[in-house]
PDB file of N, CA and C in Angstrom:
ATOM      1  N   MET A   1      82.707-180.525  93.831  1.00  0.00           N
ATOM      2  CA  MET A   1      81.859-181.076  93.410  1.00  0.00           C
ATOM      3  C   MET A   1      80.875-180.840  94.596  1.00  0.00           C
ATOM      4  N   LYS A   2      80.916-180.598  95.187  1.00  0.00           N
ATOM      5  CA  LYS A   2      80.814-181.107  96.763  1.00  0.00           C
ATOM      6  C   LYS A   2      79.485-179.242  96.233  1.00  0.00           C
ATOM      7  N   VAL A   3      80.475-178.306  96.643  1.00  0.00           N
ATOM      8  CA  VAL A   3      79.826-176.882  96.562  1.00  0.00           C
ATOM      9  C   VAL A   3      78.913-177.022  95.182  1.00  0.00           C
ATOM     10  N   LYS A   4      79.250-177.722  94.016  1.00  0.00           N
ATOM     11  CA  LYS A   4      78.216-177.550  92.890  1.00  0.00           C
ATOM     12  C   LYS A   4      76.655-178.359  93.643  1.00  0.00           C
ATOM     13  N   GLU A   5      76.745-179.116  94.053  1.00  0.00           N
ATOM     14  CA  GLU A   5      75.918-179.539  95.625  1.00  0.00           C
ATOM     15  C   GLU A   5      74.790-178.692  96.437  1.00  0.00           C
ATOM     16  N   LEU A   6      75.564-178.222  96.283  1.00  0.00           N
ATOM     17  CA  LEU A   6      75.707-176.483  97.864  1.00  0.00           C
ATOM     18  C   LEU A   6      75.120-176.172  97.070  1.00  0.00           C
ATOM     19  N   LYS A   7      75.017-175.378  95.808  1.00  0.00           N
ATOM     20  CA  LYS A   7      74.524-175.343  95.899  1.00  0.00           C
ATOM     21  C   LYS A   7      72.368-174.658  94.726  1.00  0.00           C
ATOM     22  N   LYS A   8      72.917-176.444  94.736  1.00  0.00           N
ATOM     23  CA  LYS A   8      71.421-176.844  93.715  1.00  0.00           C
ATOM     24  C   LYS A   8      70.635-177.440  95.030  1.00  0.00           C
ATOM     25  N   VAL A   9      70.755-177.703  96.368  1.00  0.00           N
ATOM     26  CA  VAL A   9      69.584-177.509  97.400  1.00  0.00           C
ATOM     27  C   VAL A   9      68.908-176.909  97.830  1.00  0.00           C
ATOM     28  N   GLU A  10      67.552-176.978  97.140  1.00  0.00           N
ATOM     29  CA  GLU A  10      67.001-175.945  98.053  1.00  0.00           C
ATOM     30  C   GLU A  10      65.481-176.135  98.943  1.00  0.00           C
ATOM     31  N   GLN A  11      64.628-176.293  99.247  1.00  0.00           N
ATOM     32  CA  GLN A  11      63.994-176.989 100.132  1.00  0.00           C
ATOM     33  C   GLN A  11      62.526-177.324  99.330  1.00  0.00           C
ATOM     34  N   GLU A  12      62.395-175.862  98.749  1.00  0.00           N
ATOM     35  CA  GLU A  12      61.389-176.291  97.304  1.00  0.00           C
ATOM     36  C   GLU A  12      59.981-177.086  98.555  1.00  0.00           C
ATOM     37  N   SER A  13      59.191-178.050  97.766  1.00  0.00           N
ATOM     38  CA  SER A  13      58.160-178.755  98.715  1.00  0.00           C
ATOM     39  C   SER A  13      58.254-179.165 100.181  1.00  0.00           C
ATOM     40  N   LYS A  14      60.067-179.803 100.278  1.00  0.00           N
ATOM     41  CA  LYS A  14      60.390-180.928 101.112  1.00  0.00           C
ATOM     42  C   LYS A  14      60.125-179.877 102.422  1.00  0.00           C
ATOM     43  N   THR A  15      59.505-180.698 103.676  1.00  0.00           N
ATOM     44  CA  THR A  15      59.886-179.873 104.956  1.00  0.00           C
ATOM     45  C   THR A  15      61.000-179.629 106.014  1.00  0.00           C
ATOM     46  N   MET A  16      60.981-178.535 106.125  1.00  0.00           N
ATOM     47  CA  MET A  16      63.019-177.374 106.817  1.00  0.00           C
ATOM     48  C   MET A  16      63.587-178.905 107.688  1.00  0.00           C
ATOM     49  N   GLU A  17      62.826-180.186 108.337  1.00  0.00           N
ATOM     50  CA  GLU A  17      64.126-180.454 108.576  1.00  0.00           C
ATOM     51  C   GLU A  17      64.871-181.424 107.597  1.00  0.00           C
ATOM     52  N   LYS A  18      63.916-182.472 106.116  1.00  0.00           N
ATOM     53  CA  LYS A  18      64.278-182.831 105.572  1.00  0.00           C
ATOM     54  C   LYS A  18      65.693-182.100 105.398  1.00  0.00           C
ATOM     55  N   PHE A  19      64.882-180.490 104.516  1.00  0.00           N
ATOM     56  CA  PHE A  19      66.469-180.000 103.721  1.00  0.00           C
ATOM     57  C   PHE A  19      67.212-179.294 104.849  1.00  0.00           C
ATOM     58  N   VAL A  20      67.472-179.250 105.662  1.00  0.00           N
ATOM     59  CA  VAL A  20      68.492-179.581 106.984  1.00  0.00           C
ATOM     60  C   VAL A  20      68.798-180.572 106.333  1.00  0.00           C
ATOM     61  N   HIS A  21      68.409-182.009 106.646  1.00  0.00           N
ATOM     62  CA  HIS A  21      69.782-183.219 106.861  1.00  0.00           C
ATOM     63  C   HIS A  21      70.604-183.437 105.577  1.00  0.00           C
ATOM     64  N   GLU A  22      69.791-182.942 104.273  1.00  0.00           N
ATOM     65  CA  GLU A  22      70.231-182.300 103.031  1.00  0.00           C
ATOM     66  C   GLU A  22      70.980-181.479 102.506  1.00  0.00           C
ATOM     67  N   PHE A  23      71.166-180.133 102.890  1.00  0.00           N
ATOM     68  CA  PHE A  23      71.752-179.876 103.253  1.00  0.00           C
ATOM     69  C   PHE A  23      73.244-179.453 104.121  1.00  0.00           C
ATOM     70  N   ARG A  24      73.245-180.070 105.230  1.00  0.00           N
ATOM     71  CA  ARG A  24      73.962-180.147 106.464  1.00  0.00           C
ATOM     72  C   ARG A  24      74.983-182.040 105.746  1.00  0.00           C
ATOM     73  N   LYS A  25      74.172-182.988 104.732  1.00  0.00           N
ATOM     74  CA  LYS A  25      75.290-183.541 104.497  1.00  0.00           C
ATOM     75  C   LYS A  25      76.154-183.202 103.550  1.00  0.00           C
ATOM     76  N   VAL A  26      74.945-182.697 102.759  1.00  0.00           N
ATOM     77  CA  VAL A  26      76.083-181.627 101.550  1.00  0.00           C
ATOM     78  C   VAL A  26      77.169-180.845 101.920  1.00  0.00           C
ATOM     79  N   ALA A  27      76.718-179.643 102.883  1.00  0.00           N
ATOM     80  CA  ALA A  27      78.148-179.404 103.527  1.00  0.00           C
ATOM     81  C   ALA A  27      78.722-179.286 104.759  1.00  0.00           C
ATOM     82  N   ARG A  28      78.669-180.368 104.585  1.00  0.00           N
ATOM     83  CA  ARG A  28      80.509-181.282 105.283  1.00  0.00           C
ATOM     84  C   ARG A  28      81.189-181.001 104.275  1.00  0.00           C
ATOM     85  N   LYS A  29      80.521-181.290 103.105  1.00  0.00           N
ATOM     86  CA  LYS A  29      81.902-181.908 102.078  1.00  0.00           C
ATOM     87  C   LYS A  29      81.876-181.143 101.739  1.00  0.00           C
ATOM     88  N   SER A  30      81.501-179.514 101.386  1.00  0.00           N
ATOM     89  CA  SER A  30      81.789-178.623 100.767  1.00  0.00           C
ATOM     90  C   SER A  30      83.194-177.716 100.996  1.00  0.00           C
ATOM     91  N   GLY A  31      83.413-177.767 102.183  1.00  0.00           N
ATOM     92  CA  GLY A  31      84.579-176.780 102.668  1.00  0.00           C
ATOM     93  C   GLY A  31      84.214-175.909 102.797  1.00  0.00           C
ATOM     94  N   TYR A  32      83.249-175.325 102.186  1.00  0.00           N
ATOM     95  CA  TYR A  32      83.090-173.655 103.374  1.00  0.00           C
ATOM     96  C   TYR A  32      82.017-173.992 104.483  1.00  0.00           C
ATOM     97  N   LYS A  33      82.354-172.097 105.578  1.00  0.00           N
ATOM     98  CA  LYS A  33      82.898-172.813 106.411  1.00  0.00           C
ATOM     99  C   LYS A  33      82.118-171.150 107.156  1.00  0.00           C
ATOM    100  N   LYS A  34      81.315-170.941 108.329  1.00  0.00           N
ATOM    101  CA  LYS A  34      80.619-170.254 108.521  1.00  0.00           C
ATOM    102  C   LYS A  34      79.894-169.096 107.530  1.00  0.00           C
ATOM    103  N   ARG A  35      79.818-167.635 107.568  1.00  0.00           N
ATOM    104  CA  ARG A  35      79.265-166.794 106.671  1.00  0.00           C
ATOM    105  C   ARG A  35      79.192-167.547 105.255  1.00  0.00           C
ATOM    106  N   ILE A  36      79.776-168.130 105.325  1.00  0.00           N
ATOM    107  CA  ILE A  36      79.338-168.479 103.378  1.00  0.00           C
ATOM    108  C   ILE A  36      78.758-169.094 103.708  1.00  0.00           C
ATOM    109  N   LEU A  37      78.528-171.088 104.207  1.00  0.00           N
ATOM    110  CA  LEU A  37      78.099-171.996 104.503  1.00  0.00           C
ATOM    111  C   LEU A  37      76.492-171.238 105.262  1.00  0.00           C
ATOM    112  N   ILE A  38      76.494-170.152 106.059  1.00  0.00           N
ATOM    113  CA  ILE A  38      75.154-169.265 106.110  1.00  0.00           C
ATOM    114  C   ILE A  38      74.199-169.148 105.640  1.00  0.00           C
ATOM    115  N   GLU A  39      75.502-168.206 103.839  1.00  0.00           N
ATOM    116  CA  GLU A  39      74.920-166.862 102.616  1.00  0.00           C
ATOM    117  C   GLU A  39      73.933-169.399 102.300  1.00  0.00           C
ATOM    118  N   LYS A  40      75.057-169.090 101.879  1.00  0.00           N
ATOM    119  CA  LYS A  40      73.758-170.664 101.390  1.00  0.00           C
ATOM    120  C   LYS A  40      73.448-171.253 101.738  1.00  0.00           C
ATOM    121  N   PHE A  41      72.616-171.396 103.157  1.00  0.00           N
ATOM    122  CA  PHE A  41      71.333-171.411 103.484  1.00  0.00           C
ATOM    123  C   PHE A  41      70.655-171.036 103.351  1.00  0.00           C
ATOM    124  N   LYS A  42      71.321-169.844 103.788  1.00  0.00           N
ATOM    125  CA  LYS A  42      70.180-169.080 103.307  1.00  0.00           C
ATOM    126  C   LYS A  42      69.167-168.920 101.663  1.00  0.00           C
ATOM    127  N   LYS A  43      69.808-168.827 101.218  1.00  0.00           N
ATOM    128  CA  LYS A  43      69.652-168.686  99.392  1.00  0.00           C
ATOM    129  C   LYS A  43      68.491-170.216  99.938  1.00  0.00           C
ATOM    130  N   GLY A  44      68.954-171.336  99.884  1.00  0.00           N
ATOM    131  CA  GLY A  44      68.034-172.010  99.470  1.00  0.00           C
ATOM    132  C   GLY A  44      67.050-172.904 100.261  1.00  0.00           C
ATOM    133  N   LYS A  45      65.963-171.952 101.106  1.00  0.00           N
ATOM    134  CA  LYS A  45      65.280-171.984 102.334  1.00  0.00           C
ATOM    135  C   LYS A  45      63.643-170.813 101.045  1.00  0.00           C
ATOM    136  N   ASP A  46      63.287-171.683 101.274  1.00  0.00           N
ATOM    137  CA  ASP A  46      61.095-170.483 101.028  1.00  0.00           C
ATOM    138  C   ASP A  46      61.691-169.423 101.405  1.00  0.00           C
ATOM    139  N   ARG A  47      61.010-168.443 100.724  1.00  0.00           N
ATOM    140  CA  ARG A  47      60.473-166.799 101.134  1.00  0.00           C
ATOM    141  C   ARG A  47      60.478-166.349 102.675  1.00  0.00           C
ATOM    142  N   VAL A  48      59.363-167.464 102.987  1.00  0.00           N
ATOM    143  CA  VAL A  48      58.957-167.095 104.777  1.00  0.00           C
ATOM    144  C   VAL A  48      59.657-167.024 104.847  1.00  0.00           C
ATOM    145  N   ILE A  49      60.422-168.588 105.561  1.00  0.00           N
ATOM    146  CA  ILE A  49      61.048-168.720 106.485  1.00  0.00           C
ATOM    147  C   ILE A  49      62.502-167.147 106.924  1.00  0.00           C
ATOM    148  N   ARG A  50      62.775-167.303 105.216  1.00  0.00           N
ATOM    149  CA  ARG A  50      63.625-166.589 104.805  1.00  0.00           C
ATOM    150  C   ARG A  50      63.642-165.616 105.542  1.00  0.00           C
ATOM    151  N   ARG A  51      62.362-165.073 105.305  1.00  0.00           N
ATOM    152  CA  ARG A  51      62.348-163.389 106.143  1.00  0.00           C
ATOM    153  C   ARG A  51      61.960-163.475 107.319  1.00  0.00           C
ATOM    154  N   LYS A  52      61.559-164.496 108.256  1.00  0.00           N
ATOM    155  CA  LYS A  52      61.444-164.697 109.425  1.00  0.00           C
ATOM    156  C   LYS A  52      62.424-165.201 109.877  1.00  0.00           C
ATOM    157  N   LEU A  53      63.763-165.531 108.970  1.00  0.00           N
ATOM    158  CA  LEU A  53      65.408-165.933 109.940  1.00  0.00           C
ATOM    159  C   LEU A  53      65.846-164.103 110.031  1.00  0.00           C
ATOM    160  N   MET A  54      65.891-163.601 108.550  1.00  0.00           N
ATOM    161  CA  MET A  54      66.358-162.079 109.273  1.00  0.00           C
ATOM    162  C   MET A  54      65.934-161.907 109.677  1.00  0.00           C
ATOM    163  N   GLU A  55      64.733-160.900 110.939  1.00  0.00           N
ATOM    164  CA  GLU A  55      64.299-160.805 111.626  1.00  0.00           C
ATOM    165  C   GLU A  55      63.754-161.367 113.278  1.00  0.00           C
ATOM    166  N   ALA A  56      64.417-161.739 113.022  1.00  0.00           N
ATOM    167  CA  ALA A  56      64.776-162.942 114.549  1.00  0.00           C
ATOM    168  C   ALA A  56      65.271-161.886 115.181  1.00  0.00           C
ATOM    169  N   GLU A  57      64.467-161.804 116.618  1.00  0.00           N
ATOM    170  CA  GLU A  57      65.550-160.894 117.424  1.00  0.00           C
ATOM    171  C   GLU A  57      66.750-160.486 117.116  1.00  0.00           C
ATOM    172  N   GLN A  58      67.113-161.923 118.216  1.00  0.00           N
ATOM    173  CA  GLN A  58      68.133-161.614 118.574  1.00  0.00           C
ATOM    174  C   GLN A  58      69.337-162.648 116.422  1.00  0.00           C
ATOM    175  N   PRO A  59      70.226-161.798 116.546  1.00  0.00           N
ATOM    176  CA  PRO A  59      70.613-162.468 115.411  1.00  0.00           C
ATOM    177  C   PRO A  59      71.543-163.944 115.924  1.00  0.00           C
ATOM    178  N   LEU A  60      71.183-164.685 114.441  1.00  0.00           N
ATOM    179  CA  LEU A  60      72.268-165.526 114.790  1.00  0.00           C
ATOM    180  C   LEU A  60      73.321-165.791 114.035  1.00  0.00           C
ATOM    181  N   ARG A  61      73.956-166.085 114.774  1.00  0.00           N
ATOM    182  CA  ARG A  61      75.935-166.536 114.437  1.00  0.00           C
ATOM    183  C   ARG A  61      76.488-167.753 114.151  1.00  0.00           C
ATOM    184  N   SER A  62      75.986-169.144 114.384  1.00  0.00           N
ATOM    185  CA  SER A  62      76.352-169.931 113.487  1.00  0.00           C
ATOM    186  C   SER A  62      75.360-170.921 112.684  1.00  0.00           C
ATOM    187  N   ILE A  63      75.400-171.683 111.833  1.00  0.00           N
ATOM    188  CA  ILE A  63      74.671-172.093 111.496  1.00  0.00           C
ATOM    189  C   ILE A  63      74.142-173.481 112.069  1.00  0.00           C
ATOM    190  N   GLN A  64      74.047-173.241 112.832  1.00  0.00           N
ATOM    191  CA  GLN A  64      73.569-174.525 114.270  1.00  0.00           C
ATOM    192  C   GLN A  64      72.283-173.729 114.554  1.00  0.00           C
ATOM    193  N   GLN A  65      72.436-171.999 114.496  1.00  0.00           N
ATOM    194  CA  GLN A  65      71.458-171.592 115.290  1.00  0.00           C
ATOM    195  C   GLN A  65      70.750-171.337 114.087  1.00  0.00           C
ATOM    196  N   TRP A  66      70.889-171.793 113.018  1.00  0.00           N
ATOM    197  CA  TRP A  66      69.720-171.091 111.611  1.00  0.00           C
ATOM    198  C   TRP A  66      69.084-172.413 111.113  1.00  0.00           C
ATOM    199  N   TYR A  67      69.775-174.075 111.608  1.00  0.00           N
ATOM    200  CA  TYR A  67      69.401-174.887 111.596  1.00  0.00           C
ATOM    201  C   TYR A  67      68.593-175.261 112.901  1.00  0.00           C
ATOM    202  N   LYS A  68      68.973-174.785 113.798  1.00  0.00           N
ATOM    203  CA  LYS A  68      67.703-174.577 114.403  1.00  0.00           C
ATOM    204  C   LYS A  68      66.696-174.292 114.449  1.00  0.00           C
ATOM    205  N   ARG A  69      66.508-172.948 114.178  1.00  0.00           N
ATOM    206  CA  ARG A  69      64.893-171.659 114.002  1.00  0.00           C
ATOM    207  C   ARG A  69      64.698-171.960 112.919  1.00  0.00           C
ATOM    208  N   ALA A  70      64.953-172.561 112.159  1.00  0.00           N
ATOM    209  CA  ALA A  70      64.301-172.895 110.599  1.00  0.00           C
ATOM    210  C   ALA A  70      63.518-174.015 110.752  1.00  0.00           C
ATOM    211  N   VAL A  71      64.054-174.837 111.320  1.00  0.00           N
ATOM    212  CA  VAL A  71      62.687-176.043 111.703  1.00  0.00           C
ATOM    213  C   VAL A  71      62.182-175.648 112.868  1.00  0.00           C
ATOM    214  N   ASN A  72      62.481-175.175 113.848  1.00  0.00           N
ATOM    215  CA  ASN A  72      61.172-174.403 114.955  1.00  0.00           C
ATOM    216  C   ASN A  72      60.312-173.952 113.684  1.00  0.00           C
ATOM    217  N   LEU A  73      60.400-173.261 113.631  1.00  0.00           N
ATOM    218  CA  LEU A  73      59.782-172.193 112.169  1.00  0.00           C
ATOM    219  C   LEU A  73      58.631-172.605 111.507  1.00  0.00           C
ATOM    220  N   ASP A  74      59.659-174.032 110.801  1.00  0.00           N
ATOM    221  CA  ASP A  74      58.247-174.770 110.060  1.00  0.00           C
ATOM    222  C   ASP A  74      57.659-175.136 110.957  1.00  0.00           C
ATOM    223  N   ARG A  75      57.675-175.622 111.926  1.00  0.00           N
ATOM    224  CA  ARG A  75      56.884-176.472 112.690  1.00  0.00           C
ATOM    225  C   ARG A  75      55.634-175.874 112.881  1.00  0.00           C
ATOM    226  N   TYR A  76      55.800-174.232 113.232  1.00  0.00           N
ATOM    227  CA  TYR A  76      54.628-173.494 113.358  1.00  0.00           C
ATOM    228  C   TYR A  76      53.698-172.993 112.051  1.00  0.00           C
TER     229      TYR A  76
END
């Protein structure tokens, strides 16, 4: 059930902080780990932030790095 919920989590008009909070909550119970979790996270965000994350100078390796960078990008 949580896997289906994770697929439905999208940023839409939410702030990135709110999106990350919601995503983390559902992700903990989804059973997804590492790369798959990162892919699901990328798909839920708005295009502009997703593109900026993909263009990062240093590759983001952990889901925690993705969360932090996404929130920082949304603030500026």
